[in-house]
C-alpha cells in the first residue's frame, strides 16, 4: 500500500470567478497563483512559497446549480477498486475514474449521507505532503457528517482511517467530535454529526493555516468575504474561524496565534 493511501493530497476550488478568487486567497492566505498550462483547460495553481497547494477552476457545465465550493482529494493507489468499494459501502460515485493527461486519475464521490469529496491516484512519486500546520497549506480536514457513527464506519472501511482523540462537546449540544488519522498516523482531521443549526447538507470543510488569525480574519472581510463563526480557541491551543469567500465558497482558517 502507498504511504499516502487514505490521506488528503490536493484541494480544489470550483468558483464562479477565478480571477477574483485568486486575488482574495492571495490576500488572505498569501498564495501566489499561475496558470497550470494544461492544454484546453483554464486551471489556476496556487502556491505557498514554491509548493503547490491547490487548484482553482470555473464551474463546469455538469455542476450547474451547485454553489462554489472547495473539494478535497484523498489519495488511493487503486482508484477503480476504491470507487467500487465506496459504492459497495453505501457511498456514491458521481464521476467515475478518468484521466488527467500527464498527471494521474481522479473521481468524484460521496459518502452515504452525501458529503462530496474526490479521489486521486498517480504513478509518480510527487512532492511529499507538508507537515500539519504549515502556513499556506491545509492544516485540518473536517466532516460535518450526516451521522457520525455510520459515516465513521464508511470511512474506516474504505480508507482504513483510525480514531485518535474523541472530544465530548455534548454540553454545548454538539455531541462527539472524533479526530482521526490514516493507518494509525498523526491525526489530520475530525468529524461530528452536523448540528441542526447548520442549514447546509453534510459537507467536508478545510482549514488553511495562517500566521495570526485576527489579521487574516480582517483580510477576509476587507476582501469581501464573510465570517460565519469565530474566532474560537480549540483543543491543542489553535484558533479557528469559519468563513465564506466573496463567491460563496465555505472555507476556514486556523492559526496557533491570534
Protein backbone atom coordinates (compact mmCIF):
# COMPACT_ATOMS: atom_id res chain seq x y z
CA UNK A 1 0.00 0.00 0.00
CA UNK A 2 1.26 3.51 -0.89
CA UNK A 3 2.49 5.61 2.06
CA UNK A 4 -0.07 8.34 1.26
CA UNK A 5 -3.05 5.99 0.92
CA UNK A 6 -6.10 7.47 2.65
CA UNK A 7 -4.54 10.93 3.12
CA UNK A 8 -5.81 14.19 1.67
CA UNK A 9 -3.35 15.12 -1.06
CA UNK A 10 -4.90 18.01 -3.05
CA UNK A 11 -7.52 20.75 -2.75
CA UNK A 12 -9.54 22.39 -5.47
CA UNK A 13 -11.87 25.37 -5.64
CA UNK A 14 -14.75 25.40 -8.12
CA UNK A 15 -15.88 29.02 -8.38
CA UNK A 16 -17.88 31.45 -10.49
CA UNK A 17 -15.00 33.97 -10.71
CA UNK A 18 -11.47 32.54 -10.79
CA UNK A 19 -9.57 35.88 -11.10
CA UNK A 20 -11.47 37.30 -8.11
CA UNK A 21 -10.80 34.13 -6.09
CA UNK A 22 -7.10 34.33 -6.98
CA UNK A 23 -6.91 37.88 -5.62
CA UNK A 24 -8.90 37.05 -2.48
CA UNK A 25 -6.91 33.99 -1.41
CA UNK A 26 -3.59 35.64 -2.33
CA UNK A 27 -4.50 38.41 0.11
CA UNK A 28 -5.94 36.23 2.88
CA UNK A 29 -3.51 33.28 2.81
CA UNK A 30 -0.51 34.73 0.98
CA UNK A 31 -0.61 32.45 -2.06
CA UNK A 32 0.91 33.20 -5.42
CA UNK A 33 -1.02 31.89 -8.43
CA UNK A 34 -0.24 30.97 -12.00
CA UNK A 35 -1.91 29.21 -14.90
CA UNK A 36 -1.30 25.46 -14.96
CA UNK A 37 -0.56 25.41 -18.68
CA UNK A 38 -2.86 22.40 -19.09
CA UNK A 39 -3.96 22.21 -22.71
CA UNK A 40 -7.59 23.07 -23.34
CA UNK A 41 -8.32 23.93 -19.72
CA UNK A 42 -8.23 27.09 -17.64
CA UNK A 43 -6.81 25.78 -14.38
CA UNK A 44 -5.01 28.00 -11.86
CA UNK A 45 -2.41 26.61 -9.47
CA UNK A 46 -1.95 28.20 -6.04
CA UNK A 47 1.46 28.08 -4.35
CA UNK A 48 2.68 28.57 -0.78
CA UNK A 49 6.32 29.53 -1.24
CA UNK A 50 7.38 27.12 -4.03
CA UNK A 51 4.96 24.29 -3.15
CA UNK A 52 1.69 23.70 -4.99
CA UNK A 53 -1.21 23.81 -2.54
CA UNK A 54 -4.43 23.92 -4.54
CA UNK A 55 -6.14 24.39 -7.87
CA UNK A 56 -8.88 26.80 -8.95
CA UNK A 57 -11.26 26.38 -11.84
CA UNK A 58 -14.53 27.76 -13.18
CA UNK A 59 -17.78 25.91 -12.55
CA UNK A 60 -18.07 23.05 -15.08
CA UNK A 61 -21.30 22.62 -17.02
CA UNK A 62 -22.24 19.48 -15.10
CA UNK A 63 -22.07 21.47 -11.83
CA UNK A 64 -24.77 23.92 -12.90
CA UNK A 65 -26.87 24.94 -9.92
CA UNK A 66 -24.21 23.98 -7.37
CA UNK A 67 -22.69 26.72 -5.19
CA UNK A 68 -18.95 27.44 -5.39
CA UNK A 69 -17.09 25.01 -3.15
CA UNK A 70 -13.78 23.54 -2.07
CA UNK A 71 -13.07 19.86 -2.77
CA UNK A 72 -10.52 17.68 -1.03
CA UNK A 73 -8.81 14.80 -2.86
CA UNK A 74 -7.98 11.59 -0.98
CA UNK A 75 -5.07 9.53 -2.34
CA UNK A 76 -5.55 5.93 -3.38
CA UNK A 77 -3.17 3.62 -5.24
CA UNK A 78 -6.07 1.76 -6.93
CA UNK A 79 -8.77 4.26 -7.86
CA UNK A 80 -11.03 1.76 -9.65
CA UNK A 81 -11.04 -0.54 -6.62
CA UNK A 82 -11.65 2.33 -4.19
CA UNK A 83 -14.53 3.72 -6.29
CA UNK A 84 -16.17 0.27 -6.32
CA UNK A 85 -15.70 -0.05 -2.55
CA UNK A 86 -17.27 3.39 -2.00
CA UNK A 87 -20.38 2.30 -3.92
CA UNK A 88 -20.45 -1.05 -2.09
CA UNK A 89 -20.06 0.64 1.32
CA UNK A 90 -23.12 2.87 0.82
CA UNK A 91 -21.48 5.85 -0.88
CA UNK A 92 -21.98 7.15 -4.41
CA UNK A 93 -19.73 7.64 -7.44
CA UNK A 94 -20.72 10.93 -9.08
CA UNK A 95 -17.96 10.88 -11.68
CA UNK A 96 -16.19 7.59 -12.42
CA UNK A 97 -12.39 7.47 -12.61
CA UNK A 98 -10.90 9.31 -15.58
CA UNK A 99 -7.51 10.56 -16.71
CA UNK A 100 -5.91 13.93 -16.12
CA UNK A 101 -3.42 13.71 -19.01
CA UNK A 102 0.17 13.54 -17.81
CA UNK A 103 -0.81 13.83 -14.13
CA UNK A 104 -2.97 10.94 -12.88
CA UNK A 105 -6.58 9.83 -12.49
CA UNK A 106 -9.43 11.25 -10.44
CA UNK A 107 -13.03 10.51 -9.47
CA UNK A 108 -15.77 12.46 -7.68
CA UNK A 109 -17.57 10.50 -4.96
CA UNK A 110 -19.75 10.97 -1.87
CA UNK A 111 -20.22 9.26 1.47
CA UNK A 112 -23.54 7.63 2.50
CA UNK A 113 -25.02 10.98 3.62
CA UNK A 114 -23.94 12.88 0.51
CA UNK A 115 -20.76 14.69 1.60
CA UNK A 116 -18.75 15.04 -1.63
CA UNK A 117 -15.00 14.51 -1.99
CA UNK A 118 -12.63 13.35 -4.71
CA UNK A 119 -10.18 10.51 -5.24
CA UNK A 120 -6.76 10.86 -6.85
CA UNK A 121 -4.06 8.47 -7.97
CA UNK A 122 -0.78 8.85 -9.81
CA UNK A 123 2.20 6.71 -10.73
CA UNK A 124 4.70 9.47 -10.00
CA UNK A 125 6.08 9.98 -6.51
CA UNK A 126 5.14 13.66 -6.42
CA UNK A 127 6.16 16.12 -3.71
CA UNK A 128 6.00 14.93 -0.10
CA UNK A 129 2.89 16.04 1.79
CA UNK A 130 3.66 19.02 4.07
CA UNK A 131 3.74 18.80 7.86
CA UNK A 132 0.47 19.70 9.55
CA UNK A 133 0.10 23.40 10.45
CA UNK A 134 2.49 24.54 7.71
CA UNK A 135 1.46 28.14 6.84
CA UNK A 136 -0.28 28.42 3.49
CA UNK A 137 -1.32 24.76 3.47
CA UNK A 138 -4.37 22.92 4.76
CA UNK A 139 -3.90 22.12 8.45
CA UNK A 140 -7.13 20.24 9.14
CA UNK A 141 -9.87 18.37 7.24
CA UNK A 142 -13.32 18.37 8.84
CA UNK A 143 -16.51 16.48 8.06
CA UNK A 144 -19.88 17.81 9.15
CA UNK A 145 -21.41 14.35 8.88
CA UNK A 146 -24.97 13.23 8.32
CA UNK A 147 -24.42 10.77 11.17
CA UNK A 148 -21.07 10.33 12.90
CA UNK A 149 -21.36 6.62 13.66
CA UNK A 150 -22.45 5.38 10.23
CA UNK A 151 -20.19 7.77 8.34
CA UNK A 152 -17.20 6.81 10.51
CA UNK A 153 -17.82 3.15 9.68
CA UNK A 154 -17.85 4.05 5.97
CA UNK A 155 -14.51 5.91 6.02
CA UNK A 156 -12.87 3.35 8.29
CA UNK A 157 -13.88 0.54 5.95
CA UNK A 158 -12.97 2.46 2.77
CA UNK A 159 -9.65 4.04 3.76
CA UNK A 160 -8.59 2.26 6.96
CA UNK A 161 -8.75 5.50 8.95
CA UNK A 162 -8.15 5.08 12.66
CA UNK A 163 -9.63 7.04 15.55
CA UNK A 164 -7.49 9.48 17.52
CA UNK A 165 -8.92 11.67 20.32
CA UNK A 166 -12.69 11.99 20.83
CA UNK A 167 -13.77 15.37 22.23
CA UNK A 168 -17.11 15.40 24.06
CA UNK A 169 -18.91 18.63 23.17
CA UNK A 170 -22.35 17.44 24.28
CA UNK A 171 -22.56 20.17 26.95
CA UNK A 172 -22.86 22.64 24.10
CA UNK A 173 -25.32 20.39 22.29
CA UNK A 174 -22.71 19.38 19.70
CA UNK A 175 -22.10 15.70 20.58
CA UNK A 176 -18.80 13.90 19.98
CA UNK A 177 -16.03 15.35 17.80
CA UNK A 178 -13.91 12.42 16.59
CA UNK A 179 -10.39 13.09 15.33
CA UNK A 180 -8.70 10.59 13.02
CA UNK A 181 -5.62 9.71 11.00
CA UNK A 182 -4.62 7.26 8.29
CA UNK A 183 -3.42 3.80 9.38
CA UNK A 184 -2.61 4.95 12.89
CA UNK A 185 -0.61 8.00 11.79
CA UNK A 186 -0.90 11.55 13.14
CA UNK A 187 -4.43 12.96 13.20
CA UNK A 188 -5.20 15.15 10.18
CA UNK A 189 -8.95 15.61 10.55
CA UNK A 190 -12.09 15.40 12.61
CA UNK A 191 -15.77 14.63 12.12
CA UNK A 192 -19.00 15.14 14.01
CA UNK A 193 -22.71 14.84 13.34
CA UNK A 194 -23.69 18.13 11.68
CA UNK A 195 -25.63 20.33 14.12
CA UNK A 196 -29.20 21.09 13.04
CA UNK A 197 -28.33 24.81 13.27
CA UNK A 198 -26.13 24.48 10.15
CA UNK A 199 -28.56 24.63 7.19
CA UNK A 200 -26.23 23.07 4.58
CA UNK A 201 -26.28 19.35 3.70
CA UNK A 202 -23.35 17.26 5.08
CA UNK A 203 -20.01 18.56 3.78
CA UNK A 204 -16.24 18.43 4.07
CA UNK A 205 -14.53 21.64 5.15
CA UNK A 206 -10.86 22.63 5.01
CA UNK A 207 -8.75 24.79 7.34
CA UNK A 208 -5.98 26.86 5.75
CA UNK A 209 -3.07 27.71 8.06
CA UNK A 210 -2.21 31.39 8.56
CA UNK A 211 0.19 33.29 10.81
CA UNK A 212 -2.01 35.39 13.11
CA UNK A 213 -5.74 34.73 12.97
CA UNK A 214 -7.05 38.22 13.70
CA UNK A 215 -5.10 39.87 10.88
CA UNK A 216 -6.14 37.14 8.43
CA UNK A 217 -9.78 37.48 9.51
CA UNK A 218 -9.60 41.21 8.82
CA UNK A 219 -8.28 40.43 5.33
CA UNK A 220 -11.29 38.15 4.77
CA UNK A 221 -13.82 40.91 5.49
CA UNK A 222 -11.73 43.61 3.77
CA UNK A 223 -11.68 41.40 0.66
CA UNK A 224 -15.45 40.95 0.56
CA UNK A 225 -15.70 37.64 2.41
CA UNK A 226 -17.85 36.88 5.46
CA UNK A 227 -17.08 35.44 8.87
CA UNK A 228 -19.63 32.79 9.85
CA UNK A 229 -18.23 31.74 13.22
CA UNK A 230 -15.29 32.60 15.43
CA UNK A 231 -12.59 33.34 16.24
CA UNK A 232 -12.64 30.50 18.76
CA UNK A 233 -9.96 28.50 20.55
CA UNK A 234 -9.95 24.73 20.02
CA UNK A 235 -8.24 21.90 21.95
CA UNK A 236 -4.49 22.00 21.38
CA UNK A 237 -4.30 25.76 21.56
CA UNK A 238 -5.11 26.64 17.95
CA UNK A 239 -7.56 29.38 16.92
CA UNK A 240 -10.09 28.96 14.11
CA UNK A 241 -12.59 30.96 12.13
CA UNK A 242 -15.19 29.71 9.62
CA UNK A 243 -15.79 31.91 6.56
CA UNK A 244 -17.37 32.36 3.14
CA UNK A 245 -15.32 33.77 0.27
CA UNK A 246 -16.85 36.54 -1.90
CA UNK A 247 -18.28 33.99 -4.36
CA UNK A 248 -19.89 31.95 -1.56
CA UNK A 249 -17.45 29.03 -1.08
CA UNK A 250 -17.10 27.87 2.54
CA UNK A 251 -13.55 27.73 3.95
CA UNK A 252 -11.86 28.05 7.34
CA UNK A 253 -8.65 29.45 8.76
CA UNK A 254 -6.52 28.09 11.59
CA UNK A 255 -3.56 29.61 13.41
CA UNK A 256 -1.53 28.87 16.52
CA UNK A 257 -1.64 32.62 17.33
CA UNK A 258 -4.32 35.27 17.42
